[in-house]
PDB file of N, CA and C in Angstrom:
ATOM      1  N   MET A   1      91.076 113.041  99.467  1.00  0.00           N
ATOM      2  CA  MET A   1      91.731 114.166 100.113  1.00  0.00           C
ATOM      3  C   MET A   1      92.373 113.696 101.411  1.00  0.00           C
ATOM      4  N   CYS A   2      93.465 114.339 101.756  1.00  0.00           N
ATOM      5  CA  CYS A   2      94.164 114.033 103.000  1.00  0.00           C
ATOM      6  C   CYS A   2      94.292 115.317 103.806  1.00  0.00           C
ATOM      7  N   TYR A   3      94.158 115.192 105.093  1.00  0.00           N
ATOM      8  CA  TYR A   3      94.354 116.336 105.972  1.00  0.00           C
ATOM      9  C   TYR A   3      95.579 116.040 106.823  1.00  0.00           C
ATOM     10  N   CYS A   4      96.599 116.859 106.679  1.00  0.00           N
ATOM     11  CA  CYS A   4      97.841 116.629 107.408  1.00  0.00           C
ATOM     12  C   CYS A   4      98.393 117.969 107.878  1.00  0.00           C
ATOM     13  N   ILE A   5      98.346 118.225 109.161  1.00  0.00           N
ATOM     14  CA  ILE A   5      98.842 119.459 109.756  1.00  0.00           C
ATOM     15  C   ILE A   5      98.347 120.673 108.976  1.00  0.00           C
ATOM     16  N   GLY A   6      97.055 120.752 108.764  1.00  0.00           N
ATOM     17  CA  GLY A   6      96.475 121.894 108.085  1.00  0.00           C
ATOM     18  C   GLY A   6      96.566 121.848 106.577  1.00  0.00           C
ATOM     19  N   MET A   7      97.098 120.782 106.020  1.00  0.00           N
ATOM     20  CA  MET A   7      97.237 120.691 104.572  1.00  0.00           C
ATOM     21  C   MET A   7      96.173 119.751 104.005  1.00  0.00           C
ATOM     22  N   ASN A   8      95.343 120.265 103.123  1.00  0.00           N
ATOM     23  CA  ASN A   8      94.405 119.431 102.377  1.00  0.00           C
ATOM     24  C   ASN A   8      94.988 119.225 100.987  1.00  0.00           C
ATOM     25  N   TYR A   9      95.075 117.978 100.557  1.00  0.00           N
ATOM     26  CA  TYR A   9      95.607 117.727  99.223  1.00  0.00           C
ATOM     27  C   TYR A   9      95.083 116.401  98.692  1.00  0.00           C
ATOM     28  N   ASP A  10      95.122 116.276  97.361  1.00  0.00           N
ATOM     29  CA  ASP A  10      94.734 115.027  96.704  1.00  0.00           C
ATOM     30  C   ASP A  10      95.877 114.032  96.833  1.00  0.00           C
ATOM     31  N   ILE A  11      95.547 112.812  97.156  1.00  0.00           N
ATOM     32  CA  ILE A  11      96.566 111.776  97.358  1.00  0.00           C
ATOM     33  C   ILE A  11      96.938 111.096  96.043  1.00  0.00           C
ATOM     34  N   TYR A  12      95.965 110.762  95.210  1.00  0.00           N
ATOM     35  CA  TYR A  12      96.221 109.973  94.001  1.00  0.00           C
ATOM     36  C   TYR A  12      96.254 110.858  92.763  1.00  0.00           C
ATOM     37  N   HIS A  13      97.252 110.590  91.894  1.00  0.00           N
ATOM     38  CA  HIS A  13      97.453 111.380  90.678  1.00  0.00           C
ATOM     39  C   HIS A  13      97.780 110.445  89.523  1.00  0.00           C
ATOM     40  N   SER A  14      97.364 110.844  88.325  1.00  0.00           N
ATOM     41  CA  SER A  14      97.584 109.994  87.154  1.00  0.00           C
ATOM     42  C   SER A  14      99.006 110.102  86.607  1.00  0.00           C
ATOM     43  N   THR A  15      99.701 111.203  86.902  1.00  0.00           N
ATOM     44  CA  THR A  15     101.077 111.381  86.427  1.00  0.00           C
ATOM     45  C   THR A  15     101.953 111.936  87.548  1.00  0.00           C
ATOM     46  N   LEU A  16     103.257 111.785  87.397  1.00  0.00           N
ATOM     47  CA  LEU A  16     104.205 112.353  88.347  1.00  0.00           C
ATOM     48  C   LEU A  16     104.120 113.872  88.307  1.00  0.00           C
ATOM     49  N   GLY A  17     103.952 114.425  87.121  1.00  0.00           N
ATOM     50  CA  GLY A  17     103.827 115.874  86.976  1.00  0.00           C
ATOM     51  C   GLY A  17     102.640 116.427  87.752  1.00  0.00           C
ATOM     52  N   ALA A  18     101.526 115.705  87.728  1.00  0.00           N
ATOM     53  CA  ALA A  18     100.338 116.136  88.473  1.00  0.00           C
ATOM     54  C   ALA A  18     100.605 116.107  89.976  1.00  0.00           C
ATOM     55  N   ALA A  19     101.335 115.110  90.449  1.00  0.00           N
ATOM     56  CA  ALA A  19     101.685 115.029  91.874  1.00  0.00           C
ATOM     57  C   ALA A  19     102.586 116.194  92.266  1.00  0.00           C
ATOM     58  N   ILE A  20     103.547 116.535  91.425  1.00  0.00           N
ATOM     59  CA  ILE A  20     104.450 117.651  91.700  1.00  0.00           C
ATOM     60  C   ILE A  20     103.684 118.974  91.695  1.00  0.00           C
ATOM     61  N   GLN A  21     102.756 119.133  90.766  1.00  0.00           N
ATOM     62  CA  GLN A  21     101.927 120.343  90.745  1.00  0.00           C
ATOM     63  C   GLN A  21     101.106 120.462  92.024  1.00  0.00           C
ATOM     64  N   GLU A  22     100.630 119.342  92.535  1.00  0.00           N
ATOM     65  CA  GLU A  22      99.868 119.343  93.780  1.00  0.00           C
ATOM     66  C   GLU A  22     100.756 119.773  94.950  1.00  0.00           C
ATOM     67  N   ILE A  23     101.999 119.323  94.971  1.00  0.00           N
ATOM     68  CA  ILE A  23     102.945 119.740  96.008  1.00  0.00           C
ATOM     69  C   ILE A  23     103.118 121.256  95.957  1.00  0.00           C
ATOM     70  N   MET A  24     103.336 121.789  94.777  1.00  0.00           N
ATOM     71  CA  MET A  24     103.530 123.234  94.611  1.00  0.00           C
ATOM     72  C   MET A  24     102.288 124.004  95.063  1.00  0.00           C
ATOM     73  N   ARG A  25     101.114 123.505  94.731  1.00  0.00           N
ATOM     74  CA  ARG A  25      99.861 124.162  95.102  1.00  0.00           C
ATOM     75  C   ARG A  25      99.712 124.206  96.624  1.00  0.00           C
ATOM     76  N   VAL A  26      99.996 123.080  97.289  1.00  0.00           N
ATOM     77  CA  VAL A  26      99.852 122.989  98.738  1.00  0.00           C
ATOM     78  C   VAL A  26     100.853 123.902  99.445  1.00  0.00           C
ATOM     79  N   ILE A  27     102.082 123.940  98.959  1.00  0.00           N
ATOM     80  CA  ILE A  27     103.102 124.800  99.556  1.00  0.00           C
ATOM     81  C   ILE A  27     102.664 126.261  99.469  1.00  0.00           C
ATOM     82  N   GLU A  28     102.214 126.666  98.301  1.00  0.00           N
ATOM     83  CA  GLU A  28     101.789 128.050  98.099  1.00  0.00           C
ATOM     84  C   GLU A  28     100.555 128.380  98.944  1.00  0.00           C
ATOM     85  N   LYS A  29      99.565 127.498  98.928  1.00  0.00           N
ATOM     86  CA  LYS A  29      98.318 127.734  99.648  1.00  0.00           C
ATOM     87  C   LYS A  29      98.538 127.845 101.155  1.00  0.00           C
ATOM     88  N   ASN A  30      99.473 127.075 101.706  1.00  0.00           N
ATOM     89  CA  ASN A  30      99.723 127.057 103.140  1.00  0.00           C
ATOM     90  C   ASN A  30     100.829 128.019 103.575  1.00  0.00           C
ATOM     91  N   GLY A  31     101.378 128.769 102.624  1.00  0.00           N
ATOM     92  CA  GLY A  31     102.401 129.751 102.962  1.00  0.00           C
ATOM     93  C   GLY A  31     103.692 129.147 103.474  1.00  0.00           C
ATOM     94  N   ILE A  32     103.996 127.932 103.034  1.00  0.00           N
ATOM     95  CA  ILE A  32     105.234 127.269 103.451  1.00  0.00           C
ATOM     96  C   ILE A  32     106.381 127.800 102.592  1.00  0.00           C
ATOM     97  N   ILE A  33     107.429 128.265 103.252  1.00  0.00           N
ATOM     98  CA  ILE A  33     108.603 128.767 102.535  1.00  0.00           C
ATOM     99  C   ILE A  33     109.744 127.786 102.784  1.00  0.00           C
ATOM    100  N   LEU A  34     110.180 127.158 101.717  1.00  0.00           N
ATOM    101  CA  LEU A  34     111.252 126.168 101.826  1.00  0.00           C
ATOM    102  C   LEU A  34     112.609 126.842 101.681  1.00  0.00           C
ATOM    103  N   ALA A  35     113.614 126.303 102.351  1.00  0.00           N
ATOM    104  CA  ALA A  35     114.969 126.847 102.281  1.00  0.00           C
ATOM    105  C   ALA A  35     115.526 126.735 100.859  1.00  0.00           C
ATOM    106  N   ASP A  36     115.139 125.706 100.128  1.00  0.00           N
ATOM    107  CA  ASP A  36     115.567 125.505  98.742  1.00  0.00           C
ATOM    108  C   ASP A  36     114.331 125.485  97.845  1.00  0.00           C
ATOM    109  N   SER A  37     114.455 126.053  96.658  1.00  0.00           N
ATOM    110  CA  SER A  37     113.340 126.099  95.723  1.00  0.00           C
ATOM    111  C   SER A  37     113.108 124.726  95.094  1.00  0.00           C
ATOM    112  N   LEU A  38     111.846 124.374  94.924  1.00  0.00           N
ATOM    113  CA  LEU A  38     111.508 123.117  94.255  1.00  0.00           C
ATOM    114  C   LEU A  38     111.553 123.255  92.744  1.00  0.00           C
ATOM    115  N   ASP A  39     111.645 124.498  92.245  1.00  0.00           N
ATOM    116  CA  ASP A  39     111.630 124.743  90.805  1.00  0.00           C
ATOM    117  C   ASP A  39     112.758 124.027  90.075  1.00  0.00           C
ATOM    118  N   TYR A  40     113.889 123.857  90.749  1.00  0.00           N
ATOM    119  CA  TYR A  40     115.052 123.259  90.101  1.00  0.00           C
ATOM    120  C   TYR A  40     115.305 121.823  90.553  1.00  0.00           C
ATOM    121  N   MET A  41     114.363 121.287  91.300  1.00  0.00           N
ATOM    122  CA  MET A  41     114.493 119.912  91.804  1.00  0.00           C
ATOM    123  C   MET A  41     114.355 118.919  90.661  1.00  0.00           C
ATOM    124  N   ILE A  42     115.243 117.967  90.598  1.00  0.00           N
ATOM    125  CA  ILE A  42     115.158 116.888  89.616  1.00  0.00           C
ATOM    126  C   ILE A  42     114.493 115.713  90.320  1.00  0.00           C
ATOM    127  N   TRP A  43     113.274 115.413  89.918  1.00  0.00           N
ATOM    128  CA  TRP A  43     112.482 114.400  90.610  1.00  0.00           C
ATOM    129  C   TRP A  43     112.839 112.989  90.181  1.00  0.00           C
ATOM    130  N   GLY A  44     113.381 112.831  88.996  1.00  0.00           N
ATOM    131  CA  GLY A  44     113.779 111.501  88.544  1.00  0.00           C
ATOM    132  C   GLY A  44     112.604 110.622  88.161  1.00  0.00           C
ATOM    133  N   CYS A  45     112.887 109.368  87.996  1.00  0.00           N
ATOM    134  CA  CYS A  45     111.894 108.389  87.562  1.00  0.00           C
ATOM    135  C   CYS A  45     111.572 107.468  88.734  1.00  0.00           C
ATOM    136  N   ILE A  46     110.296 107.152  88.880  1.00  0.00           N
ATOM    137  CA  ILE A  46     109.875 106.235  89.936  1.00  0.00           C
ATOM    138  C   ILE A  46     109.299 105.002  89.265  1.00  0.00           C
ATOM    139  N   GLY A  47     109.879 103.847  89.546  1.00  0.00           N
ATOM    140  CA  GLY A  47     109.408 102.605  88.953  1.00  0.00           C
ATOM    141  C   GLY A  47     108.130 102.112  89.615  1.00  0.00           C
ATOM    142  N   TYR A  48     107.487 101.168  88.978  1.00  0.00           N
ATOM    143  CA  TYR A  48     106.275 100.571  89.540  1.00  0.00           C
ATOM    144  C   TYR A  48     106.581  99.959  90.906  1.00  0.00           C
ATOM    145  N   ASP A  49     105.673 100.160  91.840  1.00  0.00           N
ATOM    146  CA  ASP A  49     105.791  99.645  93.207  1.00  0.00           C
ATOM    147  C   ASP A  49     107.037 100.167  93.935  1.00  0.00           C
ATOM    148  N   GLU A  50     107.499 101.365  93.567  1.00  0.00           N
ATOM    149  CA  GLU A  50     108.630 101.998  94.238  1.00  0.00           C
ATOM    150  C   GLU A  50     108.175 103.295  94.888  1.00  0.00           C
ATOM    151  N   THR A  51     108.911 103.721  95.901  1.00  0.00           N
ATOM    152  CA  THR A  51     108.620 104.962  96.608  1.00  0.00           C
ATOM    153  C   THR A  51     109.879 105.816  96.656  1.00  0.00           C
ATOM    154  N   SER A  52     109.722 107.096  96.353  1.00  0.00           N
ATOM    155  CA  SER A  52     110.820 108.055  96.490  1.00  0.00           C
ATOM    156  C   SER A  52     110.477 108.988  97.637  1.00  0.00           C
ATOM    157  N   ARG A  53     111.480 109.299  98.454  1.00  0.00           N
ATOM    158  CA  ARG A  53     111.284 110.158  99.618  1.00  0.00           C
ATOM    159  C   ARG A  53     112.178 111.387  99.499  1.00  0.00           C
ATOM    160  N   TYR A  54     111.611 112.525  99.867  1.00  0.00           N
ATOM    161  CA  TYR A  54     112.332 113.787  99.799  1.00  0.00           C
ATOM    162  C   TYR A  54     112.095 114.546 101.099  1.00  0.00           C
ATOM    163  N   SER A  55     113.085 115.327 101.518  1.00  0.00           N
ATOM    164  CA  SER A  55     112.974 116.153 102.709  1.00  0.00           C
ATOM    165  C   SER A  55     113.459 117.553 102.356  1.00  0.00           C
ATOM    166  N   PHE A  56     112.612 118.551 102.611  1.00  0.00           N
ATOM    167  CA  PHE A  56     112.936 119.927 102.295  1.00  0.00           C
ATOM    168  C   PHE A  56     112.839 120.774 103.557  1.00  0.00           C
ATOM    169  N   PRO A  57     113.964 121.358 104.023  1.00  0.00           N
ATOM    170  CA  PRO A  57     113.927 122.207 105.209  1.00  0.00           C
ATOM    171  C   PRO A  57     113.011 123.415 104.996  1.00  0.00           C
ATOM    172  N   ILE A  58     112.287 123.771 106.055  1.00  0.00           N
ATOM    173  CA  ILE A  58     111.418 124.941 106.014  1.00  0.00           C
ATOM    174  C   ILE A  58     112.212 126.120 106.543  1.00  0.00           C
ATOM    175  N   GLU A  59     112.210 127.204 105.776  1.00  0.00           N
ATOM    176  CA  GLU A  59     113.011 128.377 106.113  1.00  0.00           C
ATOM    177  C   GLU A  59     112.616 128.948 107.479  1.00  0.00           C
ATOM    178  N   GLY A  60     113.621 129.179 108.313  1.00  0.00           N
ATOM    179  CA  GLY A  60     113.414 129.796 109.611  1.00  0.00           C
ATOM    180  C   GLY A  60     112.864 128.871 110.686  1.00  0.00           C
ATOM    181  N   LYS A  61     112.765 127.583 110.393  1.00  0.00           N
ATOM    182  CA  LYS A  61     112.247 126.631 111.376  1.00  0.00           C
ATOM    183  C   LYS A  61     113.175 125.430 111.460  1.00  0.00           C
ATOM    184  N   ARG A  62     112.995 124.665 112.506  1.00  0.00           N
ATOM    185  CA  ARG A  62     113.772 123.436 112.660  1.00  0.00           C
ATOM    186  C   ARG A  62     112.995 122.254 112.117  1.00  0.00           C
ATOM    187  N   GLU A  63     112.026 122.521 111.260  1.00  0.00           N
ATOM    188  CA  GLU A  63     111.176 121.489 110.683  1.00  0.00           C
ATOM    189  C   GLU A  63     111.484 121.335 109.200  1.00  0.00           C
ATOM    190  N   ALA A  64     111.010 120.238 108.652  1.00  0.00           N
ATOM    191  CA  ALA A  64     111.184 119.988 107.223  1.00  0.00           C
ATOM    192  C   ALA A  64     109.901 119.397 106.659  1.00  0.00           C
ATOM    193  N   LEU A  65     109.632 119.719 105.407  1.00  0.00           N
ATOM    194  CA  LEU A  65     108.508 119.125 104.697  1.00  0.00           C
ATOM    195  C   LEU A  65     108.970 117.784 104.143  1.00  0.00           C
ATOM    196  N   GLN A  66     108.329 116.722 104.582  1.00  0.00           N
ATOM    197  CA  GLN A  66     108.651 115.371 104.125  1.00  0.00           C
ATOM    198  C   GLN A  66     107.658 115.006 103.019  1.00  0.00           C
ATOM    199  N   ILE A  67     108.176 114.505 101.917  1.00  0.00           N
ATOM    200  CA  ILE A  67     107.336 114.138 100.778  1.00  0.00           C
ATOM    201  C   ILE A  67     107.662 112.710 100.374  1.00  0.00           C
ATOM    202  N   GLN A  68     106.638 111.927 100.181  1.00  0.00           N
ATOM    203  CA  GLN A  68     106.785 110.563  99.653  1.00  0.00           C
ATOM    204  C   GLN A  68     105.883 110.441  98.434  1.00  0.00           C
ATOM    205  N   ILE A  69     106.457 109.952  97.348  1.00  0.00           N
ATOM    206  CA  ILE A  69     105.681 109.688  96.135  1.00  0.00           C
ATOM    207  C   ILE A  69     105.894 108.226  95.769  1.00  0.00           C
ATOM    208  N   SER A  70     104.805 107.494  95.700  1.00  0.00           N
ATOM    209  CA  SER A  70     104.860 106.074  95.340  1.00  0.00           C
ATOM    210  C   SER A  70     104.171 105.878  93.999  1.00  0.00           C
ATOM    211  N   ARG A  71     104.746 105.024  93.180  1.00  0.00           N
ATOM    212  CA  ARG A  71     104.083 104.641  91.929  1.00  0.00           C
ATOM    213  C   ARG A  71     103.465 103.277  92.163  1.00  0.00           C
ATOM    214  N   LEU A  72     102.158 103.240  92.064  1.00  0.00           N
ATOM    215  CA  LEU A  72     101.429 102.004  92.315  1.00  0.00           C
ATOM    216  C   LEU A  72     101.484 101.083  91.106  1.00  0.00           C
ATOM    217  N   SER A  73     101.144  99.833  91.298  1.00  0.00           N
ATOM    218  CA  SER A  73     101.157  98.870  90.190  1.00  0.00           C
ATOM    219  C   SER A  73     100.143  99.239  89.110  1.00  0.00           C
ATOM    220  N   THR A  74      99.166 100.053  89.458  1.00  0.00           N
ATOM    221  CA  THR A  74      98.165 100.516  88.482  1.00  0.00           C
ATOM    222  C   THR A  74      98.704 101.640  87.602  1.00  0.00           C
ATOM    223  N   GLY A  75      99.862 102.196  87.984  1.00  0.00           N
ATOM    224  CA  GLY A  75     100.446 103.298  87.228  1.00  0.00           C
ATOM    225  C   GLY A  75     100.154 104.654  87.848  1.00  0.00           C
ATOM    226  N   LYS A  76      99.208 104.714  88.779  1.00  0.00           N
ATOM    227  CA  LYS A  76      98.910 105.980  89.462  1.00  0.00           C
ATOM    228  C   LYS A  76     100.003 106.280  90.477  1.00  0.00           C
ATOM    229  N   TYR A  77     100.071 107.554  90.862  1.00  0.00           N
ATOM    230  CA  TYR A  77     101.045 108.002  91.848  1.00  0.00           C
ATOM    231  C   TYR A  77     100.326 108.371  93.134  1.00  0.00           C
ATOM    232  N   GLU A  78     100.876 107.930  94.266  1.00  0.00           N
ATOM    233  CA  GLU A  78     100.328 108.246  95.577  1.00  0.00           C
ATOM    234  C   GLU A  78     101.252 109.249  96.258  1.00  0.00           C
ATOM    235  N   LEU A  79     100.682 110.372  96.678  1.00  0.00           N
ATOM    236  CA  LEU A  79     101.438 111.449  97.293  1.00  0.00           C
ATOM    237  C   LEU A  79     101.113 111.519  98.781  1.00  0.00           C
ATOM    238  N   ASN A  80     102.146 111.598  99.607  1.00  0.00           N
ATOM    239  CA  ASN A  80     101.990 111.788 101.052  1.00  0.00           C
ATOM    240  C   ASN A  80     102.962 112.875 101.478  1.00  0.00           C
ATOM    241  N   MET A  81     102.453 113.845 102.273  1.00  0.00           N
ATOM    242  CA  MET A  81     103.282 114.936 102.759  1.00  0.00           C
ATOM    243  C   MET A  81     103.009 115.167 104.232  1.00  0.00           C
ATOM    244  N   TYR A  82     104.048 115.528 104.964  1.00  0.00           N
ATOM    245  CA  TYR A  82     103.883 115.876 106.361  1.00  0.00           C
ATOM    246  C   TYR A  82     105.084 116.711 106.794  1.00  0.00           C
ATOM    247  N   VAL A  83     104.945 117.390 107.922  1.00  0.00           N
ATOM    248  CA  VAL A  83     106.002 118.236 108.459  1.00  0.00           C
ATOM    249  C   VAL A  83     106.573 117.564 109.706  1.00  0.00           C
ATOM    250  N   LEU A  84     107.888 117.450 109.743  1.00  0.00           N
ATOM    251  CA  LEU A  84     108.603 116.901 110.913  1.00  0.00           C
ATOM    252  C   LEU A  84     109.558 117.939 111.445  1.00  0.00           C
TER     253      LEU A  84
END
């Protein structure tokens, strides 16, 4: 588990889909309203030992939810989120 600005979430996931579901769960649980919906986001493919970074503006604030998803050499996905 990771604690980041009031967000508790699981860091390691067996699939990209599980990592995305965790993002959705954390957003809903913490009442974060994003300017753009994640429902239509195309996440793409992440290769082994690669990291994809995403930034989503938070509605009504000058902050954004930063998301990093890395695919480890083991095949697991590492999720990191924070607000800037």
